[in-house]
Amino acid sequence: MNRADIDRVTRGVVPTTHRCRSVWLKGYQAKVDALKRLQAETAAKLDALLPSVLDKTFKGEL
């Protein structure tokens, strides 16, 4: 086995550190996506409450 054989075999192998980083980034991205969904849901709920809050404000109930 010479250097060319080793290069040919190892060329497609991703180093362990890169695989671990990739797995970590995918997990992190999943958390970010979940937080974005939660933020969007919260924003929608707040938008739904705004007319009621404004109504009470102008009536002097707040």
Foldseek 3Di string as FASTA:
>chain_A
DDPVVVCVVCVPPDDPVVVVVVVVVVVVVVVVVVVVVVVVVVVVVVVVCVVVVVVCVVVVND
